[in-house]
Amino acid sequence: MFSFAFLIVAYIIRAAGDVSNETVSMISPLGWAVRTEVFYSNDWRPVIFALVFAAAAGVLAFYLNNIRDMGTGFLPERKGRSRASRFLQTLPGFVVRLERTQIVSWGIGVFLLGASYGSIVNDLETYLQELDYLQDFLNADSGNSLLEQFLGLVLAILSLIGSVPTLIVLFKLKSEEQKNRMEHFYSRPVSRYRMMAAFFGTAVGVSVLMQAMAALGLWSALYVTMEEPLDAVDLFRSAFVYLPALWALAGAAVLIIGFFPKAANLLWLYLVYCFFVLYLKDLLDLPEWLTRLSVFEHIPDTLKENIDWLSLTVLTAIAAVAAAAGMIGYRRRDLAG
């Protein structure tokens, strides 16, 4: 988690430096490669500096690994509570505690990512003039402002990213099963229905939290950088409208865990496909039937159009049916170990 936190901070520093001060970007390792100016000046100095830094970090890592005690780390572990709280003694409380680090880390990351996108809104026209591929993303002749089109694209990207921790929560159940850690629960009067429902309910809550953090980060940056920022209600509504898509993915995850636990990677591949469609559907002029395979393509962009309640209702129903079927399959199948 420290590694992910370092990556997120490095990305934010590079993004902020590219907008305000390029010297700041050089603090981030992600800013070094950009300064090579490939196909222009081909400056090898940032590459050499990155290699030296990687070698030094690698040597330090091997040294620390050599002197530490096996099974322990350099950071001391805090003593836990002598008694579990009432919330922790419930299945939802157990799942939240199990996923607490993931939830907090992803929440902060999504918030910062939303803020980084919001911080470049004032320079949107400059970016549009300099980057041709952005002009393919944002159609100035569509009748909608560039700001509305850009924010619609950003919210779709943030929603895709927010689906990752939602799925991580659910696949944690499969991971715990494969590590033979569920025997302690199922040797007691705990039903598989309740266990799966606890993980699914937590995943639904995480999806709401991620969308809220994305919208909050985006709106906070807009509020600071714009003289007339977008209305917060409209922005949060546009973020929450993606929830049925996230719930549909969560329902698919429950279905896979219930019937095909070894096929979990297929859902990650599908999520990659959703990213592919979002970024390249216009550039590659993909046929509509191919783009409609992505669940996110059925979500209306409420900044540009009215809410399509039918599609949202259908996605929510699919999520509920898939989750119910997955719970039945999980109840009936043999457990690993």
Protein backbone atom coordinates (compact mmCIF):
# COMPACT_ATOMS: atom_id res chain seq x y z
CA MET A 1 0.00 0.00 0.00
CA PHE A 2 2.94 2.32 0.59
CA SER A 3 4.02 1.56 -2.99
CA PHE A 4 0.60 2.49 -4.35
CA ALA A 5 0.58 5.62 -2.19
CA PHE A 6 4.00 6.59 -3.58
CA LEU A 7 2.74 6.05 -7.14
CA ILE A 8 -0.35 8.21 -6.54
CA VAL A 9 1.68 11.01 -4.95
CA ALA A 10 4.20 10.86 -7.81
CA TYR A 11 1.38 11.18 -10.33
CA ILE A 12 -0.18 14.14 -8.53
CA ILE A 13 3.18 15.95 -8.26
CA ARG A 14 3.87 15.42 -11.95
CA ALA A 15 0.40 16.59 -12.96
CA ALA A 16 0.60 19.68 -10.75
CA GLY A 17 4.09 20.49 -12.01
CA ASP A 18 3.09 20.16 -15.67
CA VAL A 19 0.34 22.71 -15.10
CA SER A 20 2.14 25.21 -12.86
CA ASN A 21 5.91 24.71 -12.64
CA GLU A 22 7.91 22.15 -14.63
CA THR A 23 10.63 22.15 -11.96
CA VAL A 24 8.12 20.58 -9.56
CA SER A 25 7.54 17.73 -12.03
CA MET A 26 11.21 16.76 -11.76
CA ILE A 27 10.60 15.76 -8.14
CA SER A 28 8.41 12.91 -9.40
CA PRO A 29 9.95 9.88 -11.14
CA LEU A 30 6.99 9.99 -13.53
CA GLY A 31 8.17 13.40 -14.67
CA TRP A 32 11.64 12.27 -15.64
CA ALA A 33 10.72 10.21 -18.69
CA VAL A 34 8.60 13.04 -20.11
CA ARG A 35 11.66 15.30 -20.07
CA THR A 36 13.50 13.02 -22.48
CA GLU A 37 11.52 14.72 -25.29
CA VAL A 38 11.45 11.60 -27.42
CA PHE A 39 11.54 12.24 -31.20
CA TYR A 40 12.54 15.86 -30.49
CA SER A 41 15.74 16.40 -28.51
CA ASN A 42 16.13 12.80 -27.26
CA ASP A 43 17.65 13.87 -23.96
CA TRP A 44 19.09 10.77 -22.28
CA ARG A 45 19.92 12.47 -18.97
CA PRO A 46 16.54 11.73 -17.31
CA VAL A 47 16.81 8.10 -18.40
CA ILE A 48 20.30 7.76 -16.92
CA PHE A 49 19.16 9.48 -13.74
CA ALA A 50 16.18 7.09 -13.47
CA LEU A 51 18.46 4.06 -13.93
CA VAL A 52 20.86 5.32 -11.25
CA PHE A 53 17.96 5.97 -8.89
CA ALA A 54 16.50 2.49 -9.55
CA ALA A 55 19.87 0.84 -8.96
CA ALA A 56 20.40 2.74 -5.70
CA ALA A 57 16.90 1.91 -4.49
CA GLY A 58 17.42 -1.74 -5.40
CA VAL A 59 20.71 -1.96 -3.50
CA LEU A 60 19.11 -0.32 -0.47
CA ALA A 61 16.16 -2.71 -0.63
CA PHE A 62 18.43 -5.77 -0.74
CA TYR A 63 20.46 -4.44 2.18
CA LEU A 64 17.38 -3.79 4.32
CA ASN A 65 15.96 -7.19 3.42
CA ASN A 66 19.24 -8.78 4.48
CA ILE A 67 19.39 -7.21 7.94
CA ARG A 68 15.72 -7.46 8.96
CA ASP A 69 14.28 -10.39 10.89
CA MET A 70 12.31 -12.87 8.82
CA GLY A 71 8.58 -12.35 9.01
CA THR A 72 8.87 -8.87 10.47
CA GLY A 73 9.33 -5.35 9.16
CA PHE A 74 11.12 -2.20 10.22
CA LEU A 75 7.94 -0.41 11.17
CA PRO A 76 6.70 -1.64 14.56
CA GLU A 77 3.22 -3.10 14.66
CA ARG A 78 0.73 -1.40 16.90
CA LYS A 79 -0.92 -3.43 19.59
CA GLY A 80 -4.49 -4.25 18.79
CA ARG A 81 -7.47 -3.82 21.06
CA SER A 82 -7.91 -6.41 23.76
CA ARG A 83 -11.59 -6.79 22.86
CA ALA A 84 -13.35 -6.52 19.55
CA SER A 85 -15.95 -3.81 19.14
CA ARG A 86 -19.60 -4.74 18.62
CA PHE A 87 -19.37 -3.66 14.99
CA LEU A 88 -16.34 -5.87 14.38
CA GLN A 89 -18.23 -8.83 15.81
CA THR A 90 -20.73 -8.58 12.93
CA LEU A 91 -20.03 -9.92 9.44
CA PRO A 92 -20.24 -6.47 7.79
CA GLY A 93 -17.90 -5.12 10.46
CA PHE A 94 -15.45 -7.94 9.83
CA VAL A 95 -15.47 -7.33 6.07
CA VAL A 96 -14.98 -3.57 6.51
CA ARG A 97 -12.10 -4.17 8.91
CA LEU A 98 -10.56 -6.68 6.51
CA GLU A 99 -10.75 -4.19 3.64
CA ARG A 100 -10.15 -0.99 5.62
CA THR A 101 -6.70 -0.25 4.26
CA GLN A 102 -7.80 -0.87 0.66
CA ILE A 103 -10.91 1.29 1.05
CA VAL A 104 -9.09 4.23 2.63
CA SER A 105 -6.18 4.09 0.17
CA TRP A 106 -8.36 3.88 -2.92
CA GLY A 107 -10.68 6.58 -1.57
CA ILE A 108 -7.79 9.00 -1.11
CA GLY A 109 -6.34 8.05 -4.49
CA VAL A 110 -9.63 8.62 -6.33
CA PHE A 111 -10.11 11.95 -4.56
CA LEU A 112 -6.64 13.14 -5.55
CA LEU A 113 -7.09 11.90 -9.10
CA GLY A 114 -10.35 13.80 -9.39
CA ALA A 115 -8.66 16.91 -8.01
CA SER A 116 -5.80 16.58 -10.49
CA TYR A 117 -8.24 16.45 -13.41
CA GLY A 118 -10.15 19.42 -12.05
CA SER A 119 -6.98 21.48 -11.68
CA ILE A 120 -6.36 21.60 -15.45
CA VAL A 121 -9.82 22.84 -16.44
CA ASN A 122 -8.66 26.45 -16.80
CA ASP A 123 -6.01 25.32 -19.29
CA LEU A 124 -8.40 23.08 -21.20
CA GLU A 125 -8.41 25.19 -24.35
CA THR A 126 -4.59 25.28 -24.35
CA TYR A 127 -4.42 21.50 -24.07
CA LEU A 128 -7.02 21.13 -26.81
CA GLN A 129 -5.01 23.27 -29.22
CA GLU A 130 -1.74 21.44 -28.52
CA LEU A 131 -3.00 17.84 -28.40
CA ASP A 132 -4.74 16.55 -31.50
CA TYR A 133 -6.05 13.37 -29.89
CA LEU A 134 -7.95 15.43 -27.31
CA GLN A 135 -9.75 17.12 -30.18
CA ASP A 136 -10.97 13.68 -31.23
CA PHE A 137 -12.27 13.08 -27.71
CA LEU A 138 -13.99 16.46 -27.41
CA ASN A 139 -16.09 17.53 -30.36
CA ALA A 140 -16.43 21.30 -30.38
CA ASP A 141 -19.36 21.06 -32.83
CA SER A 142 -21.48 18.77 -30.65
CA GLY A 143 -23.51 21.61 -29.16
CA ASN A 144 -22.08 21.10 -25.69
CA SER A 145 -19.34 23.15 -24.09
CA LEU A 146 -15.81 21.80 -23.92
CA LEU A 147 -16.06 21.86 -20.13
CA GLU A 148 -19.16 19.65 -20.12
CA GLN A 149 -17.61 17.19 -22.56
CA PHE A 150 -14.33 17.07 -20.66
CA LEU A 151 -16.00 16.56 -17.27
CA GLY A 152 -18.22 13.86 -18.75
CA LEU A 153 -15.14 12.01 -19.98
CA VAL A 154 -13.36 12.49 -16.65
CA LEU A 155 -16.31 11.14 -14.66
CA ALA A 156 -16.42 8.06 -16.90
CA ILE A 157 -12.69 7.50 -16.33
CA LEU A 158 -13.02 7.97 -12.57
CA SER A 159 -15.98 5.58 -12.49
CA LEU A 160 -13.94 2.92 -14.25
CA ILE A 161 -11.17 3.41 -11.72
CA GLY A 162 -13.69 3.32 -8.87
CA SER A 163 -14.90 -0.09 -10.06
CA VAL A 164 -11.47 -1.57 -9.26
CA PRO A 165 -11.73 -1.35 -5.43
CA THR A 166 -15.36 -2.47 -5.72
CA LEU A 167 -14.24 -5.71 -7.35
CA ILE A 168 -11.24 -6.06 -5.03
CA VAL A 169 -13.60 -6.19 -2.05
CA LEU A 170 -15.59 -9.05 -3.56
CA PHE A 171 -12.63 -11.06 -4.80
CA LYS A 172 -11.19 -10.86 -1.30
CA LEU A 173 -13.73 -13.53 -0.35
CA LYS A 174 -12.36 -15.85 -3.03
CA SER A 175 -8.81 -15.10 -1.90
CA GLU A 176 -9.63 -15.87 1.74
CA GLU A 177 -11.29 -19.12 0.66
CA GLN A 178 -8.24 -20.22 -1.34
CA LYS A 179 -6.04 -19.53 1.69
CA ASN A 180 -8.26 -21.76 3.84
CA ARG A 181 -9.21 -18.90 6.14
CA MET A 182 -12.98 -19.34 5.85
CA GLU A 183 -13.08 -22.61 7.77
CA HIS A 184 -13.11 -20.68 11.05
CA PHE A 185 -16.38 -19.01 10.09
CA TYR A 186 -18.13 -21.94 8.47
CA SER A 187 -17.34 -24.21 11.41
CA ARG A 188 -19.66 -21.93 13.35
CA PRO A 189 -23.35 -21.05 12.76
CA VAL A 190 -22.57 -18.67 9.87
CA SER A 191 -24.36 -19.17 6.57
CA ARG A 192 -22.66 -18.64 3.24
CA TYR A 193 -25.57 -16.43 2.21
CA ARG A 194 -24.83 -14.01 5.02
CA MET A 195 -21.11 -14.05 4.31
CA MET A 196 -21.56 -13.33 0.60
CA ALA A 197 -24.20 -10.71 1.38
CA ALA A 198 -21.75 -8.97 3.74
CA PHE A 199 -19.08 -8.79 1.05
CA PHE A 200 -21.57 -7.70 -1.63
CA GLY A 201 -23.08 -5.05 0.63
CA THR A 202 -19.62 -3.73 1.45
CA ALA A 203 -18.75 -3.61 -2.25
CA VAL A 204 -21.92 -1.61 -2.95
CA GLY A 205 -20.99 0.80 -0.16
CA VAL A 206 -17.46 1.11 -1.55
CA SER A 207 -18.83 1.94 -4.99
CA VAL A 208 -20.90 4.79 -3.51
CA LEU A 209 -17.90 6.02 -1.53
CA MET A 210 -15.60 5.99 -4.58
CA GLN A 211 -18.05 7.96 -6.69
CA ALA A 212 -18.52 10.47 -3.89
CA MET A 213 -14.76 10.90 -3.42
CA ALA A 214 -14.23 11.30 -7.18
CA ALA A 215 -16.94 13.95 -7.42
CA LEU A 216 -15.69 15.70 -4.28
CA GLY A 217 -12.11 15.84 -5.52
CA LEU A 218 -13.20 17.09 -8.93
CA TRP A 219 -15.56 19.72 -7.52
CA SER A 220 -13.01 20.91 -4.94
CA ALA A 221 -10.46 21.63 -7.67
CA LEU A 222 -13.10 23.34 -9.84
CA TYR A 223 -14.19 25.47 -6.89
CA VAL A 224 -10.63 26.65 -6.29
CA THR A 225 -9.58 27.22 -9.89
CA MET A 226 -12.76 28.54 -11.54
CA GLU A 227 -14.54 31.81 -11.00
CA GLU A 228 -17.91 30.16 -11.65
CA PRO A 229 -17.52 26.47 -10.77
CA LEU A 230 -20.02 23.84 -11.85
CA ASP A 231 -22.92 23.26 -9.49
CA ALA A 232 -22.00 20.59 -6.94
CA VAL A 233 -25.40 18.89 -7.19
CA ASP A 234 -25.04 18.42 -10.96
CA LEU A 235 -21.52 17.05 -10.58
CA PHE A 236 -22.40 14.57 -7.84
CA ARG A 237 -25.50 13.46 -9.76
CA SER A 238 -23.36 12.84 -12.84
CA ALA A 239 -20.98 10.74 -10.73
CA PHE A 240 -23.67 8.72 -8.95
CA VAL A 241 -25.46 7.91 -12.19
CA TYR A 242 -22.59 5.48 -12.92
CA LEU A 243 -23.44 3.41 -9.84
CA PRO A 244 -25.65 0.89 -11.71
CA ALA A 245 -22.67 0.08 -13.95
CA LEU A 246 -20.48 -0.55 -10.91
CA TRP A 247 -23.22 -2.64 -9.32
CA ALA A 248 -23.57 -4.69 -12.51
CA LEU A 249 -19.85 -5.47 -12.33
CA ALA A 250 -20.22 -6.34 -8.64
CA GLY A 251 -23.11 -8.67 -9.47
CA ALA A 252 -21.00 -10.32 -12.17
CA ALA A 253 -18.21 -10.81 -9.62
CA VAL A 254 -20.61 -12.53 -7.21
CA LEU A 255 -21.85 -14.74 -10.06
CA ILE A 256 -18.28 -15.71 -10.95
CA ILE A 257 -17.36 -16.44 -7.33
CA GLY A 258 -20.50 -18.53 -6.96
CA PHE A 259 -20.15 -20.66 -10.09
CA PHE A 260 -16.77 -20.12 -11.77
CA PRO A 261 -14.25 -18.99 -9.11
CA LYS A 262 -11.30 -19.86 -11.33
CA ALA A 263 -12.53 -17.49 -14.04
CA ALA A 264 -12.16 -14.33 -11.95
CA ASN A 265 -9.50 -12.94 -14.27
CA LEU A 266 -12.06 -12.77 -17.07
CA LEU A 267 -13.81 -9.94 -15.25
CA TRP A 268 -10.55 -8.00 -15.01
CA LEU A 269 -10.07 -8.52 -18.75
CA TYR A 270 -13.58 -7.20 -19.30
CA LEU A 271 -12.73 -4.12 -17.25
CA VAL A 272 -9.68 -3.57 -19.46
CA TYR A 273 -12.00 -3.84 -22.46
CA CYS A 274 -14.21 -1.11 -20.92
CA PHE A 275 -11.14 1.12 -20.66
CA PHE A 276 -10.29 0.32 -24.27
CA VAL A 277 -13.77 1.27 -25.47
CA LEU A 278 -13.84 4.50 -23.47
CA TYR A 279 -10.52 5.73 -24.80
CA LEU A 280 -10.49 4.44 -28.36
CA LYS A 281 -14.08 4.04 -29.56
CA ASP A 282 -14.02 7.38 -31.38
CA LEU A 283 -10.40 7.24 -32.49
CA LEU A 284 -10.86 3.78 -34.01
CA ASP A 285 -14.47 4.41 -35.07
CA LEU A 286 -15.60 1.17 -33.43
CA PRO A 287 -19.01 -0.19 -34.47
CA GLU A 288 -21.84 0.52 -32.07
CA TRP A 289 -22.51 -3.14 -31.24
CA LEU A 290 -18.90 -3.50 -30.09
CA THR A 291 -18.96 -0.40 -27.90
CA ARG A 292 -22.33 -1.37 -26.38
CA LEU A 293 -20.68 -4.47 -24.93
CA SER A 294 -19.18 -2.15 -22.33
CA VAL A 295 -21.55 -1.66 -19.43
CA PHE A 296 -20.38 1.93 -19.04
CA GLU A 297 -21.64 2.80 -22.52
CA HIS A 298 -25.21 2.40 -21.25
CA ILE A 299 -24.77 5.19 -18.68
CA PRO A 300 -26.04 8.62 -19.80
CA ASP A 301 -23.79 11.64 -19.43
CA THR A 302 -26.14 13.82 -17.39
CA LEU A 303 -24.03 16.91 -18.05
CA LYS A 304 -25.07 16.69 -21.71
CA GLU A 305 -28.30 14.69 -21.75
CA ASN A 306 -31.23 13.60 -19.62
CA ILE A 307 -31.10 10.55 -17.41
CA ASP A 308 -32.17 7.34 -19.15
CA TRP A 309 -33.98 5.68 -16.26
CA LEU A 310 -34.73 2.56 -18.27
CA SER A 311 -31.08 1.66 -18.83
CA LEU A 312 -30.22 2.41 -15.20
CA THR A 313 -33.11 0.26 -13.98
CA VAL A 314 -32.14 -2.61 -16.25
CA LEU A 315 -28.50 -2.49 -15.06
CA THR A 316 -29.60 -2.44 -11.43
CA ALA A 317 -31.93 -5.39 -12.03
CA ILE A 318 -29.13 -7.32 -13.75
CA ALA A 319 -26.88 -6.64 -10.77
CA ALA A 320 -29.52 -7.89 -8.32
CA VAL A 321 -30.30 -11.05 -10.31
CA ALA A 322 -26.62 -11.87 -10.87
CA ALA A 323 -25.83 -11.34 -7.19
CA ALA A 324 -28.76 -13.53 -6.08
CA ALA A 325 -27.76 -16.30 -8.49
CA GLY A 326 -24.14 -16.04 -7.39
CA MET A 327 -25.13 -16.41 -3.74
CA ILE A 328 -27.08 -19.57 -4.58
CA GLY A 329 -24.10 -20.97 -6.47
CA TYR A 330 -21.73 -20.09 -3.64
CA ARG A 331 -24.04 -21.84 -1.17
CA ARG A 332 -24.16 -25.06 -3.21
CA ARG A 333 -20.62 -25.47 -4.53
CA ASP A 334 -17.69 -27.07 -2.75
CA LEU A 335 -15.25 -24.70 -1.07
CA ALA A 336 -11.53 -24.74 -1.78
CA GLY A 337 -9.58 -26.66 0.83
